[in-house]
Amino acid sequence: MSGRMLLGGLLVSSMLVFVVACAGPKAVENPTLSPPGGTSAEALASVKEGNRLFAAGRWGAAKTQYELALQAQPGLAEAHYNLALVLDQMGDKAQARAHYIEAANLAPGHKVIWNSRVLRRYGDVPDPLPNGSSAPVLPSLGGLGGSPRGGGAY
């Protein structure tokens, strides 16, 4: 009987270890984006740190870093997109939606932003144009744009 109890105890312990290991940060489907060349040093450092924190499941700390990046460079589409991802993880769907759309408006030809499943669930985002030209600006923000690539001020 003692052997059976020991085996049962080991089985229960193994199951607990498995449950605890699986209870870590929620798996993330969408990868964060890195900023393009020409990004300010301050915004670049904040986005990189935000991406590291996001990968570790530290949503609040990642959010702070993306907000710092946007303070340094408000027109950085990748920072808006990453902030939208983290807000989505935190359950703030309304703010996430606004940043997804801002990212799309700032980078009309950016394939990851425009083709992301996450952005598509928020509106009628047109499919990429067959000839490879840039997609139109989302109408819900009144045609706010910026440079063709984004990354700069309006």
C-alpha atoms as a PDB file:
ATOM      1  CA  MET A   1       0.000   0.000   0.000  1.00  0.00           C
ATOM      2  CA  SER A   2       2.875   2.364   0.752  1.00  0.00           C
ATOM      3  CA  GLY A   3       4.188   1.991  -2.810  1.00  0.00           C
ATOM      4  CA  ARG A   4       0.812   2.909  -4.258  1.00  0.00           C
ATOM      5  CA  MET A   5       0.597   5.998  -2.046  1.00  0.00           C
ATOM      6  CA  LEU A   6       4.079   7.042  -3.103  1.00  0.00           C
ATOM      7  CA  LEU A   7       3.194   6.554  -6.765  1.00  0.00           C
ATOM      8  CA  GLY A   8      -0.058   8.493  -6.273  1.00  0.00           C
ATOM      9  CA  GLY A   9       1.802  11.301  -4.540  1.00  0.00           C
ATOM     10  CA  LEU A  10       4.329  11.521  -7.371  1.00  0.00           C
ATOM     11  CA  LEU A  11       1.528  11.610  -9.916  1.00  0.00           C
ATOM     12  CA  VAL A  12      -0.255  14.435  -8.081  1.00  0.00           C
ATOM     13  CA  SER A  13       3.031  16.353  -7.689  1.00  0.00           C
ATOM     14  CA  SER A  14       3.771  15.985 -11.393  1.00  0.00           C
ATOM     15  CA  MET A  15       0.320  17.268 -12.285  1.00  0.00           C
ATOM     16  CA  LEU A  16       0.765  20.289 -10.004  1.00  0.00           C
ATOM     17  CA  VAL A  17       4.109  21.149 -11.602  1.00  0.00           C
ATOM     18  CA  PHE A  18       2.489  20.906 -15.039  1.00  0.00           C
ATOM     19  CA  VAL A  19      -0.443  23.145 -14.029  1.00  0.00           C
ATOM     20  CA  VAL A  20       1.856  25.765 -12.474  1.00  0.00           C
ATOM     21  CA  ALA A  21       4.114  25.751 -15.547  1.00  0.00           C
ATOM     22  CA  CYS A  22       1.121  26.284 -17.834  1.00  0.00           C
ATOM     23  CA  ALA A  23      -0.293  29.114 -15.732  1.00  0.00           C
ATOM     24  CA  GLY A  24       2.397  31.601 -16.800  1.00  0.00           C
ATOM     25  CA  PRO A  25       1.744  34.619 -19.042  1.00  0.00           C
ATOM     26  CA  LYS A  26      -0.870  34.135 -21.736  1.00  0.00           C
ATOM     27  CA  ALA A  27       0.577  33.048 -25.082  1.00  0.00           C
ATOM     28  CA  VAL A  28       0.682  35.916 -27.570  1.00  0.00           C
ATOM     29  CA  GLU A  29      -0.376  35.324 -31.161  1.00  0.00           C
ATOM     30  CA  ASN A  30       0.829  38.593 -32.640  1.00  0.00           C
ATOM     31  CA  PRO A  31       4.498  39.493 -32.732  1.00  0.00           C
ATOM     32  CA  THR A  32       5.575  42.992 -31.858  1.00  0.00           C
ATOM     33  CA  LEU A  33       7.207  45.148 -34.500  1.00  0.00           C
ATOM     34  CA  SER A  34      10.652  46.704 -34.456  1.00  0.00           C
ATOM     35  CA  PRO A  35      10.956  50.333 -35.525  1.00  0.00           C
ATOM     36  CA  PRO A  36      12.472  51.220 -38.906  1.00  0.00           C
ATOM     37  CA  GLY A  37      15.791  52.893 -39.543  1.00  0.00           C
ATOM     38  CA  GLY A  38      15.729  56.602 -38.811  1.00  0.00           C
ATOM     39  CA  THR A  39      13.826  56.158 -35.552  1.00  0.00           C
ATOM     40  CA  SER A  40      15.050  58.459 -32.789  1.00  0.00           C
ATOM     41  CA  ALA A  41      17.427  56.844 -30.288  1.00  0.00           C
ATOM     42  CA  GLU A  42      15.012  57.405 -27.403  1.00  0.00           C
ATOM     43  CA  ALA A  43      12.026  55.889 -29.240  1.00  0.00           C
ATOM     44  CA  LEU A  44      14.164  52.990 -30.473  1.00  0.00           C
ATOM     45  CA  ALA A  45      15.344  52.127 -26.958  1.00  0.00           C
ATOM     46  CA  SER A  46      11.806  52.311 -25.565  1.00  0.00           C
ATOM     47  CA  VAL A  47      10.327  50.108 -28.305  1.00  0.00           C
ATOM     48  CA  LYS A  48      13.088  47.520 -27.891  1.00  0.00           C
ATOM     49  CA  GLU A  49      12.540  47.417 -24.124  1.00  0.00           C
ATOM     50  CA  GLY A  50       8.773  47.286 -24.642  1.00  0.00           C
ATOM     51  CA  ASN A  51       9.176  44.346 -27.021  1.00  0.00           C
ATOM     52  CA  ARG A  52      11.325  42.512 -24.466  1.00  0.00           C
ATOM     53  CA  LEU A  53       8.756  43.097 -21.735  1.00  0.00           C
ATOM     54  CA  PHE A  54       5.886  42.139 -24.033  1.00  0.00           C
ATOM     55  CA  ALA A  55       7.562  38.819 -24.853  1.00  0.00           C
ATOM     56  CA  ALA A  56       7.883  38.172 -21.100  1.00  0.00           C
ATOM     57  CA  GLY A  57       4.167  38.839 -20.597  1.00  0.00           C
ATOM     58  CA  ARG A  58       4.757  42.012 -18.563  1.00  0.00           C
ATOM     59  CA  TRP A  59       1.922  43.999 -20.125  1.00  0.00           C
ATOM     60  CA  GLY A  60       1.919  47.049 -17.829  1.00  0.00           C
ATOM     61  CA  ALA A  61       5.655  47.610 -18.122  1.00  0.00           C
ATOM     62  CA  ALA A  62       5.549  47.094 -21.910  1.00  0.00           C
ATOM     63  CA  LYS A  63       2.670  49.594 -22.179  1.00  0.00           C
ATOM     64  CA  THR A  64       4.745  52.201 -20.338  1.00  0.00           C
ATOM     65  CA  GLN A  65       7.678  51.713 -22.724  1.00  0.00           C
ATOM     66  CA  TYR A  66       5.515  52.045 -25.842  1.00  0.00           C
ATOM     67  CA  GLU A  67       3.962  55.205 -24.413  1.00  0.00           C
ATOM     68  CA  LEU A  68       7.466  56.593 -23.816  1.00  0.00           C
ATOM     69  CA  ALA A  69       8.363  55.780 -27.417  1.00  0.00           C
ATOM     70  CA  LEU A  70       5.299  57.674 -28.613  1.00  0.00           C
ATOM     71  CA  GLN A  71       6.191  60.666 -26.446  1.00  0.00           C
ATOM     72  CA  ALA A  72       9.595  60.717 -28.128  1.00  0.00           C
ATOM     73  CA  GLN A  73       8.221  60.096 -31.634  1.00  0.00           C
ATOM     74  CA  PRO A  74       4.405  60.401 -31.908  1.00  0.00           C
ATOM     75  CA  GLY A  75       4.242  59.309 -35.545  1.00  0.00           C
ATOM     76  CA  LEU A  76       5.954  55.943 -35.036  1.00  0.00           C
ATOM     77  CA  ALA A  77       3.466  53.441 -36.481  1.00  0.00           C
ATOM     78  CA  GLU A  78       5.233  50.424 -34.970  1.00  0.00           C
ATOM     79  CA  ALA A  79       4.950  51.871 -31.455  1.00  0.00           C
ATOM     80  CA  HIS A  80       1.219  52.498 -31.984  1.00  0.00           C
ATOM     81  CA  TYR A  81       0.794  48.927 -33.233  1.00  0.00           C
ATOM     82  CA  ASN A  82       2.740  47.426 -30.323  1.00  0.00           C
ATOM     83  CA  LEU A  83       0.811  49.574 -27.850  1.00  0.00           C
ATOM     84  CA  ALA A  84      -2.410  48.300 -29.439  1.00  0.00           C
ATOM     85  CA  LEU A  85      -1.215  44.704 -28.976  1.00  0.00           C
ATOM     86  CA  VAL A  86      -0.482  45.255 -25.286  1.00  0.00           C
ATOM     87  CA  LEU A  87      -3.752  47.130 -24.679  1.00  0.00           C
ATOM     88  CA  ASP A  88      -5.549  44.217 -26.321  1.00  0.00           C
ATOM     89  CA  GLN A  89      -3.790  41.817 -23.948  1.00  0.00           C
ATOM     90  CA  MET A  90      -4.843  44.000 -21.014  1.00  0.00           C
ATOM     91  CA  GLY A  91      -8.477  44.001 -22.158  1.00  0.00           C
ATOM     92  CA  ASP A  92      -8.708  47.678 -23.164  1.00  0.00           C
ATOM     93  CA  LYS A  93     -10.297  47.023 -26.561  1.00  0.00           C
ATOM     94  CA  ALA A  94     -11.391  50.615 -27.231  1.00  0.00           C
ATOM     95  CA  GLN A  95      -7.913  52.090 -26.776  1.00  0.00           C
ATOM     96  CA  ALA A  96      -6.382  49.158 -28.654  1.00  0.00           C
ATOM     97  CA  ARG A  97      -8.684  49.845 -31.604  1.00  0.00           C
ATOM     98  CA  ALA A  98      -7.646  53.493 -31.729  1.00  0.00           C
ATOM     99  CA  HIS A  99      -3.946  52.597 -31.806  1.00  0.00           C
ATOM    100  CA  TYR A 100      -4.414  49.852 -34.439  1.00  0.00           C
ATOM    101  CA  ILE A 101      -6.132  52.378 -36.690  1.00  0.00           C
ATOM    102  CA  GLU A 102      -3.530  55.071 -35.998  1.00  0.00           C
ATOM    103  CA  ALA A 103      -0.761  52.604 -36.875  1.00  0.00           C
ATOM    104  CA  ALA A 104      -2.519  51.742 -40.141  1.00  0.00           C
ATOM    105  CA  ASN A 105      -2.966  55.419 -41.006  1.00  0.00           C
ATOM    106  CA  LEU A 106       0.692  56.174 -40.292  1.00  0.00           C
ATOM    107  CA  ALA A 107       1.960  53.238 -42.369  1.00  0.00           C
ATOM    108  CA  PRO A 108      -0.481  52.665 -45.231  1.00  0.00           C
ATOM    109  CA  GLY A 109       1.727  50.135 -47.027  1.00  0.00           C
ATOM    110  CA  HIS A 110       2.938  48.199 -43.978  1.00  0.00           C
ATOM    111  CA  LYS A 111       1.923  44.590 -44.649  1.00  0.00           C
ATOM    112  CA  VAL A 112       2.080  43.328 -41.057  1.00  0.00           C
ATOM    113  CA  ILE A 113      -0.050  46.183 -39.728  1.00  0.00           C
ATOM    114  CA  TRP A 114      -2.597  46.167 -42.536  1.00  0.00           C
ATOM    115  CA  ASN A 115      -2.850  42.398 -42.872  1.00  0.00           C
ATOM    116  CA  SER A 116      -2.927  41.563 -39.191  1.00  0.00           C
ATOM    117  CA  ARG A 117      -5.880  39.499 -38.078  1.00  0.00           C
ATOM    118  CA  VAL A 118      -6.114  41.741 -35.035  1.00  0.00           C
ATOM    119  CA  LEU A 119      -6.627  44.911 -37.084  1.00  0.00           C
ATOM    120  CA  ARG A 120      -9.094  43.245 -39.426  1.00  0.00           C
ATOM    121  CA  ARG A 121     -11.427  42.374 -36.563  1.00  0.00           C
ATOM    122  CA  TYR A 122     -11.897  46.094 -35.852  1.00  0.00           C
ATOM    123  CA  GLY A 123     -13.174  47.256 -39.172  1.00  0.00           C
ATOM    124  CA  ASP A 124     -13.459  46.875 -42.866  1.00  0.00           C
ATOM    125  CA  VAL A 125      -9.797  46.935 -43.772  1.00  0.00           C
ATOM    126  CA  PRO A 126      -9.411  46.462 -47.524  1.00  0.00           C
ATOM    127  CA  ASP A 127      -7.356  43.580 -48.851  1.00  0.00           C
ATOM    128  CA  PRO A 128      -3.913  44.504 -50.161  1.00  0.00           C
ATOM    129  CA  LEU A 129      -4.070  45.922 -53.641  1.00  0.00           C
ATOM    130  CA  PRO A 130      -3.056  43.398 -56.310  1.00  0.00           C
ATOM    131  CA  ASN A 131      -0.541  45.699 -58.001  1.00  0.00           C
ATOM    132  CA  GLY A 132       1.391  46.184 -54.741  1.00  0.00           C
ATOM    133  CA  SER A 133       0.551  49.863 -54.346  1.00  0.00           C
ATOM    134  CA  SER A 134      -0.125  51.356 -50.952  1.00  0.00           C
ATOM    135  CA  ALA A 135      -3.463  50.747 -49.331  1.00  0.00           C
ATOM    136  CA  PRO A 136      -5.782  53.708 -48.776  1.00  0.00           C
ATOM    137  CA  VAL A 137      -6.020  55.515 -45.460  1.00  0.00           C
ATOM    138  CA  LEU A 138      -8.676  54.187 -43.096  1.00  0.00           C
ATOM    139  CA  PRO A 139     -11.715  56.449 -43.407  1.00  0.00           C
ATOM    140  CA  SER A 140     -12.698  56.252 -39.730  1.00  0.00           C
ATOM    141  CA  LEU A 141     -10.023  58.773 -38.705  1.00  0.00           C
ATOM    142  CA  GLY A 142     -10.808  61.243 -41.454  1.00  0.00           C
ATOM    143  CA  GLY A 143      -7.808  60.504 -43.621  1.00  0.00           C
ATOM    144  CA  LEU A 144      -5.067  61.342 -41.153  1.00  0.00           C
ATOM    145  CA  GLY A 145      -1.881  60.247 -42.736  1.00  0.00           C
ATOM    146  CA  GLY A 146       1.661  61.325 -42.429  1.00  0.00           C
ATOM    147  CA  SER A 147       4.643  60.344 -44.463  1.00  0.00           C
ATOM    148  CA  PRO A 148       4.181  57.319 -46.740  1.00  0.00           C
ATOM    149  CA  ARG A 149       6.179  55.147 -44.304  1.00  0.00           C
ATOM    150  CA  GLY A 150       5.242  56.834 -41.084  1.00  0.00           C
ATOM    151  CA  GLY A 151       7.785  57.248 -38.344  1.00  0.00           C
ATOM    152  CA  GLY A 152       7.851  61.028 -38.496  1.00  0.00           C
ATOM    153  CA  ALA A 153       5.647  63.825 -37.281  1.00  0.00           C
ATOM    154  CA  TYR A 154       2.503  64.698 -39.191  1.00  0.00           C
END
